[in-house]
PDB file of N, CA and C in Angstrom:
ATOM      1  N   MET A   1      71.111  49.621  91.242  1.00  0.00           N
ATOM      2  CA  MET A   1      70.378  50.587  91.744  1.00  0.00           C
ATOM      3  C   MET A   1      71.322  51.399  92.584  1.00  0.00           C
ATOM      4  N   LYS A   2      72.692  51.187  93.537  1.00  0.00           N
ATOM      5  CA  LYS A   2      73.057  51.732  93.926  1.00  0.00           C
ATOM      6  C   LYS A   2      73.381  53.444  93.805  1.00  0.00           C
ATOM      7  N   ARG A   3      73.880  53.120  92.266  1.00  0.00           N
ATOM      8  CA  ARG A   3      74.236  54.025  91.850  1.00  0.00           C
ATOM      9  C   ARG A   3      73.288  55.216  91.481  1.00  0.00           C
ATOM     10  N   PHE A   4      72.342  54.393  91.189  1.00  0.00           N
ATOM     11  CA  PHE A   4      71.053  55.417  91.422  1.00  0.00           C
ATOM     12  C   PHE A   4      70.165  56.383  92.124  1.00  0.00           C
ATOM     13  N   TRP A   5      70.507  55.843  93.668  1.00  0.00           N
ATOM     14  CA  TRP A   5      70.331  55.942  94.647  1.00  0.00           C
ATOM     15  C   TRP A   5      71.304  57.500  95.023  1.00  0.00           C
ATOM     16  N   PHE A   6      72.683  57.376  94.520  1.00  0.00           N
ATOM     17  CA  PHE A   6      73.782  58.030  95.180  1.00  0.00           C
ATOM     18  C   PHE A   6      73.667  59.008  94.238  1.00  0.00           C
ATOM     19  N   ILE A   7      73.016  59.243  93.387  1.00  0.00           N
ATOM     20  CA  ILE A   7      73.237  60.255  92.137  1.00  0.00           C
ATOM     21  C   ILE A   7      71.912  61.071  92.631  1.00  0.00           C
ATOM     22  N   SER A   8      70.794  60.198  92.709  1.00  0.00           N
ATOM     23  CA  SER A   8      69.924  61.268  92.743  1.00  0.00           C
ATOM     24  C   SER A   8      70.128  62.041  94.608  1.00  0.00           C
ATOM     25  N   ILE A   9      70.285  60.867  95.498  1.00  0.00           N
ATOM     26  CA  ILE A   9      71.079  61.960  97.026  1.00  0.00           C
ATOM     27  C   ILE A   9      71.665  63.143  96.814  1.00  0.00           C
ATOM     28  N   PHE A  10      72.857  62.971  95.854  1.00  0.00           N
ATOM     29  CA  PHE A  10      74.077  64.205  94.950  1.00  0.00           C
ATOM     30  C   PHE A  10      73.045  65.318  94.266  1.00  0.00           C
ATOM     31  N   ALA A  11      72.329  64.635  93.657  1.00  0.00           N
ATOM     32  CA  ALA A  11      71.420  66.018  93.555  1.00  0.00           C
ATOM     33  C   ALA A  11      70.502  66.689  94.087  1.00  0.00           C
ATOM     34  N   ALA A  12      69.803  66.080  95.059  1.00  0.00           N
ATOM     35  CA  ALA A  12      69.180  66.635  95.933  1.00  0.00           C
ATOM     36  C   ALA A  12      69.819  67.567  97.347  1.00  0.00           C
ATOM     37  N   PHE A  13      70.517  66.909  97.151  1.00  0.00           N
ATOM     38  CA  PHE A  13      72.030  68.184  98.165  1.00  0.00           C
ATOM     39  C   PHE A  13      72.150  69.409  97.433  1.00  0.00           C
ATOM     40  N   ALA A  14      72.833  69.094  96.362  1.00  0.00           N
ATOM     41  CA  ALA A  14      73.135  69.946  95.099  1.00  0.00           C
ATOM     42  C   ALA A  14      72.272  70.810  95.194  1.00  0.00           C
ATOM     43  N   MET A  15      70.927  71.187  94.422  1.00  0.00           N
ATOM     44  CA  MET A  15      69.933  71.320  94.443  1.00  0.00           C
ATOM     45  C   MET A  15      69.660  72.392  96.086  1.00  0.00           C
ATOM     46  N   PHE A  16      69.650  71.284  97.142  1.00  0.00           N
ATOM     47  CA  PHE A  16      69.187  72.274  98.473  1.00  0.00           C
ATOM     48  C   PHE A  16      70.453  73.061  99.171  1.00  0.00           C
ATOM     49  N   GLY A  17      70.912  72.418  99.209  1.00  0.00           N
ATOM     50  CA  GLY A  17      72.727  73.075  99.230  1.00  0.00           C
ATOM     51  C   GLY A  17      72.758  74.048  98.899  1.00  0.00           C
ATOM     52  N   ALA A  18      72.858  74.393  97.453  1.00  0.00           N
ATOM     53  CA  ALA A  18      73.329  75.873  96.716  1.00  0.00           C
ATOM     54  C   ALA A  18      71.964  76.580  97.355  1.00  0.00           C
ATOM     55  N   ASP A  19      70.930  76.507  97.974  1.00  0.00           N
ATOM     56  CA  ASP A  19      69.798  77.795  97.796  1.00  0.00           C
ATOM     57  C   ASP A  19      70.171  77.971  99.309  1.00  0.00           C
ATOM     58  N   ALA A  20      70.993  77.343 100.169  1.00  0.00           N
ATOM     59  CA  ALA A  20      70.805  77.601 101.815  1.00  0.00           C
ATOM     60  C   ALA A  20      72.139  78.141 101.558  1.00  0.00           C
ATOM     61  N   GLN A  21      73.272  78.463 100.726  1.00  0.00           N
ATOM     62  CA  GLN A  21      74.533  78.905 101.108  1.00  0.00           C
ATOM     63  C   GLN A  21      74.680  80.227 100.218  1.00  0.00           C
ATOM     64  N   SER A  22      73.497  80.746  99.149  1.00  0.00           N
ATOM     65  CA  SER A  22      73.893  81.550  98.290  1.00  0.00           C
ATOM     66  C   SER A  22      73.191  82.715  99.553  1.00  0.00           C
ATOM     67  N   PRO A  23      73.484  83.608  99.818  1.00  0.00           N
ATOM     68  CA  PRO A  23      73.638  84.941 100.600  1.00  0.00           C
ATOM     69  C   PRO A  23      71.971  86.101  99.806  1.00  0.00           C
ATOM     70  N   THR A  24      71.258  86.134 100.718  1.00  0.00           N
ATOM     71  CA  THR A  24      70.931  87.235 100.618  1.00  0.00           C
ATOM     72  C   THR A  24      71.167  88.858  99.408  1.00  0.00           C
ATOM     73  N   PRO A  25      70.980  88.940  98.953  1.00  0.00           N
ATOM     74  CA  PRO A  25      71.280  90.383  97.938  1.00  0.00           C
ATOM     75  C   PRO A  25      70.945  91.337  98.722  1.00  0.00           C
ATOM     76  N   ALA A  26      71.955  92.234  98.846  1.00  0.00           N
ATOM     77  CA  ALA A  26      71.661  93.916  99.627  1.00  0.00           C
ATOM     78  C   ALA A  26      71.396  94.326  99.100  1.00  0.00           C
ATOM     79  N   PRO A  27      70.720  95.821  99.108  1.00  0.00           N
ATOM     80  CA  PRO A  27      69.980  96.535  98.423  1.00  0.00           C
ATOM     81  C   PRO A  27      70.675  97.424  97.121  1.00  0.00           C
ATOM     82  N   VAL A  28      72.143  97.450  98.065  1.00  0.00           N
ATOM     83  CA  VAL A  28      72.706  98.299  97.198  1.00  0.00           C
ATOM     84  C   VAL A  28      73.244  97.075  95.812  1.00  0.00           C
ATOM     85  N   ALA A  29      73.485  95.800  95.849  1.00  0.00           N
ATOM     86  CA  ALA A  29      73.896  95.543  94.646  1.00  0.00           C
ATOM     87  C   ALA A  29      72.842  95.481  94.087  1.00  0.00           C
ATOM     88  N   ALA A  30      71.127  95.293  94.289  1.00  0.00           N
ATOM     89  CA  ALA A  30      70.077  95.364  93.328  1.00  0.00           C
ATOM     90  C   ALA A  30      70.314  97.229  92.802  1.00  0.00           C
ATOM     91  N   ALA A  31      70.712  97.991  93.243  1.00  0.00           N
ATOM     92  CA  ALA A  31      71.160  99.445  92.218  1.00  0.00           C
ATOM     93  C   ALA A  31      71.652  99.101  91.473  1.00  0.00           C
ATOM     94  N   SER A  32      73.508  98.273  91.800  1.00  0.00           N
ATOM     95  CA  SER A  32      74.246  98.138  90.436  1.00  0.00           C
ATOM     96  C   SER A  32      73.799  96.794  89.833  1.00  0.00           C
ATOM     97  N   THR A  33      72.616  96.331  89.964  1.00  0.00           N
ATOM     98  CA  THR A  33      72.196  95.585  88.610  1.00  0.00           C
ATOM     99  C   THR A  33      71.269  96.063  88.030  1.00  0.00           C
ATOM    100  N   ILE A  34      70.902  96.956  88.288  1.00  0.00           N
ATOM    101  CA  ILE A  34      70.395  98.286  87.136  1.00  0.00           C
ATOM    102  C   ILE A  34      71.043  98.643  86.184  1.00  0.00           C
ATOM    103  N   ASP A  35      71.909  99.019  86.607  1.00  0.00           N
ATOM    104  CA  ASP A  35      72.926  99.735  85.399  1.00  0.00           C
ATOM    105  C   ASP A  35      73.248  98.401  84.422  1.00  0.00           C
ATOM    106  N   SER A  36      73.424  96.973  84.907  1.00  0.00           N
ATOM    107  CA  SER A  36      73.791  95.805  84.290  1.00  0.00           C
ATOM    108  C   SER A  36      73.103  95.328  83.432  1.00  0.00           C
ATOM    109  N   VAL A  37      71.940  96.161  83.385  1.00  0.00           N
ATOM    110  CA  VAL A  37      70.640  95.506  82.636  1.00  0.00           C
ATOM    111  C   VAL A  37      71.133  95.199  80.731  1.00  0.00           C
ATOM    112  N   PRO A  38      71.569  96.466  80.794  1.00  0.00           N
ATOM    113  CA  PRO A  38      71.587  96.639  79.568  1.00  0.00           C
ATOM    114  C   PRO A  38      73.044  95.368  78.763  1.00  0.00           C
ATOM    115  N   VAL A  39      74.121  95.678  79.700  1.00  0.00           N
ATOM    116  CA  VAL A  39      75.328  94.734  79.094  1.00  0.00           C
ATOM    117  C   VAL A  39      74.666  93.324  79.448  1.00  0.00           C
ATOM    118  N   ALA A  40      73.853  92.885  80.673  1.00  0.00           N
ATOM    119  CA  ALA A  40      73.135  91.148  80.467  1.00  0.00           C
ATOM    120  C   ALA A  40      72.049  91.353  79.211  1.00  0.00           C
ATOM    121  N   LEU A  41      71.390  92.068  78.724  1.00  0.00           N
ATOM    122  CA  LEU A  41      70.612  91.808  77.669  1.00  0.00           C
ATOM    123  C   LEU A  41      71.748  91.441  76.660  1.00  0.00           C
ATOM    124  N   LYS A  42      72.936  92.500  76.315  1.00  0.00           N
ATOM    125  CA  LYS A  42      73.386  91.771  74.918  1.00  0.00           C
ATOM    126  C   LYS A  42      74.419  91.049  75.203  1.00  0.00           C
ATOM    127  N   GLN A  43      74.658  90.241  76.649  1.00  0.00           N
ATOM    128  CA  GLN A  43      75.225  88.950  76.403  1.00  0.00           C
ATOM    129  C   GLN A  43      74.318  88.079  75.805  1.00  0.00           C
ATOM    130  N   LEU A  44      73.054  88.352  76.365  1.00  0.00           N
ATOM    131  CA  LEU A  44      72.015  87.195  76.068  1.00  0.00           C
ATOM    132  C   LEU A  44      71.669  87.113  75.083  1.00  0.00           C
ATOM    133  N   GLN A  45      71.691  88.214  74.203  1.00  0.00           N
ATOM    134  CA  GLN A  45      71.460  88.299  72.633  1.00  0.00           C
ATOM    135  C   GLN A  45      72.841  87.523  72.150  1.00  0.00           C
ATOM    136  N   GLU A  46      74.018  87.545  72.693  1.00  0.00           N
ATOM    137  CA  GLU A  46      75.260  86.679  71.940  1.00  0.00           C
ATOM    138  C   GLU A  46      75.267  85.514  72.438  1.00  0.00           C
ATOM    139  N   ILE A  47      74.503  84.824  73.123  1.00  0.00           N
ATOM    140  CA  ILE A  47      74.814  83.343  73.893  1.00  0.00           C
ATOM    141  C   ILE A  47      73.389  83.043  72.498  1.00  0.00           C
ATOM    142  N   LYS A  48      72.157  83.417  72.742  1.00  0.00           N
ATOM    143  CA  LYS A  48      71.278  83.540  71.791  1.00  0.00           C
ATOM    144  C   LYS A  48      71.759  82.606  70.116  1.00  0.00           C
ATOM    145  N   ALA A  49      72.162  84.211  70.133  1.00  0.00           N
ATOM    146  CA  ALA A  49      72.311  83.700  68.711  1.00  0.00           C
ATOM    147  C   ALA A  49      73.756  83.051  68.788  1.00  0.00           C
ATOM    148  N   ALA A  50      75.002  82.433  69.324  1.00  0.00           N
ATOM    149  CA  ALA A  50      75.839  81.708  69.482  1.00  0.00           C
ATOM    150  C   ALA A  50      74.752  79.675  69.530  1.00  0.00           C
ATOM    151  N   ASN A  51      73.729  79.830  70.496  1.00  0.00           N
ATOM    152  CA  ASN A  51      72.896  79.032  70.092  1.00  0.00           C
ATOM    153  C   ASN A  51      72.146  78.384  69.441  1.00  0.00           C
ATOM    154  N   GLU A  52      71.987  79.401  68.513  1.00  0.00           N
ATOM    155  CA  GLU A  52      71.197  79.518  66.968  1.00  0.00           C
ATOM    156  C   GLU A  52      72.157  78.910  66.060  1.00  0.00           C
ATOM    157  N   GLU A  53      73.158  79.450  66.112  1.00  0.00           N
ATOM    158  CA  GLU A  53      74.290  78.355  64.991  1.00  0.00           C
ATOM    159  C   GLU A  53      74.442  76.912  65.353  1.00  0.00           C
ATOM    160  N   LEU A  54      74.874  76.865  66.783  1.00  0.00           N
ATOM    161  CA  LEU A  54      75.113  75.779  67.455  1.00  0.00           C
ATOM    162  C   LEU A  54      73.809  74.686  66.569  1.00  0.00           C
ATOM    163  N   LEU A  55      72.953  74.652  67.319  1.00  0.00           N
ATOM    164  CA  LEU A  55      71.749  74.167  66.477  1.00  0.00           C
ATOM    165  C   LEU A  55      71.560  74.095  65.094  1.00  0.00           C
ATOM    166  N   ARG A  56      71.930  75.265  63.957  1.00  0.00           N
ATOM    167  CA  ARG A  56      72.256  74.974  62.834  1.00  0.00           C
ATOM    168  C   ARG A  56      72.981  73.913  62.603  1.00  0.00           C
ATOM    169  N   LYS A  57      73.904  73.771  62.966  1.00  0.00           N
ATOM    170  CA  LYS A  57      75.643  72.824  62.828  1.00  0.00           C
ATOM    171  C   LYS A  57      74.877  71.791  63.461  1.00  0.00           C
ATOM    172  N   GLN A  58      73.976  71.555  64.042  1.00  0.00           N
ATOM    173  CA  GLN A  58      73.609  69.865  64.763  1.00  0.00           C
ATOM    174  C   GLN A  58      72.859  69.874  63.625  1.00  0.00           C
ATOM    175  N   ASP A  59      71.921  70.337  63.429  1.00  0.00           N
ATOM    176  CA  ASP A  59      70.326  70.007  62.141  1.00  0.00           C
ATOM    177  C   ASP A  59      71.105  69.516  61.261  1.00  0.00           C
ATOM    178  N   ALA A  60      72.435  70.136  60.245  1.00  0.00           N
ATOM    179  CA  ALA A  60      73.196  70.102  59.292  1.00  0.00           C
ATOM    180  C   ALA A  60      73.774  68.592  59.509  1.00  0.00           C
ATOM    181  N   ALA A  61      74.315  68.324  60.642  1.00  0.00           N
ATOM    182  CA  ALA A  61      74.940  67.360  60.642  1.00  0.00           C
ATOM    183  C   ALA A  61      73.781  65.840  61.065  1.00  0.00           C
ATOM    184  N   LEU A  62      72.550  66.112  61.890  1.00  0.00           N
ATOM    185  CA  LEU A  62      71.180  64.930  61.732  1.00  0.00           C
ATOM    186  C   LEU A  62      71.293  64.923  60.570  1.00  0.00           C
ATOM    187  N   GLN A  63      70.894  65.683  59.677  1.00  0.00           N
ATOM    188  CA  GLN A  63      70.624  65.582  58.224  1.00  0.00           C
ATOM    189  C   GLN A  63      71.457  64.768  57.157  1.00  0.00           C
ATOM    190  N   LYS A  64      73.368  64.734  57.652  1.00  0.00           N
ATOM    191  CA  LYS A  64      73.913  63.817  56.905  1.00  0.00           C
ATOM    192  C   LYS A  64      73.801  62.668  57.705  1.00  0.00           C
ATOM    193  N   LEU A  65      73.899  62.617  58.823  1.00  0.00           N
ATOM    194  CA  LEU A  65      73.285  60.872  59.677  1.00  0.00           C
ATOM    195  C   LEU A  65      72.403  60.348  58.989  1.00  0.00           C
ATOM    196  N   ASP A  66      71.301  61.072  58.438  1.00  0.00           N
ATOM    197  CA  ASP A  66      70.087  60.738  58.510  1.00  0.00           C
ATOM    198  C   ASP A  66      70.264  60.001  56.839  1.00  0.00           C
ATOM    199  N   GLU A  67      70.701  60.631  56.307  1.00  0.00           N
ATOM    200  CA  GLU A  67      71.440  60.637  54.863  1.00  0.00           C
ATOM    201  C   GLU A  67      72.303  59.144  54.797  1.00  0.00           C
ATOM    202  N   LEU A  68      72.769  59.027  55.743  1.00  0.00           N
ATOM    203  CA  LEU A  68      73.922  58.019  55.840  1.00  0.00           C
ATOM    204  C   LEU A  68      73.327  56.446  55.842  1.00  0.00           C
ATOM    205  N   GLN A  69      72.530  57.089  57.302  1.00  0.00           N
ATOM    206  CA  GLN A  69      71.952  55.764  57.479  1.00  0.00           C
ATOM    207  C   GLN A  69      70.853  55.460  56.414  1.00  0.00           C
ATOM    208  N   LYS A  70      70.245  55.907  55.763  1.00  0.00           N
ATOM    209  CA  LYS A  70      69.508  56.013  54.376  1.00  0.00           C
ATOM    210  C   LYS A  70      70.371  54.742  53.629  1.00  0.00           C
ATOM    211  N   ALA A  71      71.643  55.294  53.140  1.00  0.00           N
ATOM    212  CA  ALA A  71      72.567  54.876  51.999  1.00  0.00           C
ATOM    213  C   ALA A  71      72.741  53.719  52.813  1.00  0.00           C
ATOM    214  N   ALA A  72      73.182  53.443  54.064  1.00  0.00           N
ATOM    215  CA  ALA A  72      73.542  51.999  54.906  1.00  0.00           C
ATOM    216  C   ALA A  72      72.287  50.775  54.199  1.00  0.00           C
ATOM    217  N   ASP A  73      70.996  51.453  54.784  1.00  0.00           N
ATOM    218  CA  ASP A  73      70.100  50.531  54.626  1.00  0.00           C
ATOM    219  C   ASP A  73      69.817  50.676  52.918  1.00  0.00           C
ATOM    220  N   GLU A  74      70.053  50.815  52.098  1.00  0.00           N
ATOM    221  CA  GLU A  74      69.933  50.583  50.627  1.00  0.00           C
ATOM    222  C   GLU A  74      70.687  49.537  50.453  1.00  0.00           C
ATOM    223  N   ILE A  75      72.418  49.635  50.867  1.00  0.00           N
ATOM    224  CA  ILE A  75      73.256  48.947  51.080  1.00  0.00           C
ATOM    225  C   ILE A  75      72.821  47.232  51.107  1.00  0.00           C
ATOM    226  N   LYS A  76      72.600  47.530  52.473  1.00  0.00           N
ATOM    227  CA  LYS A  76      71.944  46.033  53.260  1.00  0.00           C
ATOM    228  C   LYS A  76      71.048  45.189  51.967  1.00  0.00           C
ATOM    229  N   ILE A  77      69.824  46.152  51.649  1.00  0.00           N
ATOM    230  CA  ILE A  77      68.697  45.750  50.746  1.00  0.00           C
ATOM    231  C   ILE A  77      69.422  45.114  49.453  1.00  0.00           C
ATOM    232  N   PHE A  78      70.892  45.462  48.845  1.00  0.00           N
ATOM    233  CA  PHE A  78      71.349  45.326  47.800  1.00  0.00           C
ATOM    234  C   PHE A  78      71.963  44.283  48.115  1.00  0.00           C
ATOM    235  N   GLY A  79      72.107  43.851  49.616  1.00  0.00           N
ATOM    236  CA  GLY A  79      73.121  42.949  49.472  1.00  0.00           C
ATOM    237  C   GLY A  79      72.631  41.600  50.109  1.00  0.00           C
ATOM    238  N   LYS A  80      71.271  41.536  50.198  1.00  0.00           N
ATOM    239  CA  LYS A  80      70.403  40.737  50.389  1.00  0.00           C
ATOM    240  C   LYS A  80      70.118  39.932  49.385  1.00  0.00           C
ATOM    241  N   ARG A  81      69.844  41.143  48.515  1.00  0.00           N
ATOM    242  CA  ARG A  81      69.191  40.415  46.832  1.00  0.00           C
ATOM    243  C   ARG A  81      70.699  39.794  46.345  1.00  0.00           C
ATOM    244  N   SER A  82      71.990  39.929  46.178  1.00  0.00           N
ATOM    245  CA  SER A  82      72.493  39.302  45.501  1.00  0.00           C
ATOM    246  C   SER A  82      73.772  37.958  46.112  1.00  0.00           C
TER     247      SER A  82
END
């Protein structure tokens, strides 16, 4: 119970503390971000592609685990019969 309270308090401080410590962006910074929008978009597309590949690998792993679980269940059933 104490651990739960500690984690929840720590999370609250982390959320609200980050907002209080972050500086407000200057107008000059906004102008430089306009130039970097295409770069950021390209990076996001690369991240999306990497995430999709990771999801495909995880899906394949889950299918293999399901097959192993079914095989284990069949072995249990056949083991009980003999």
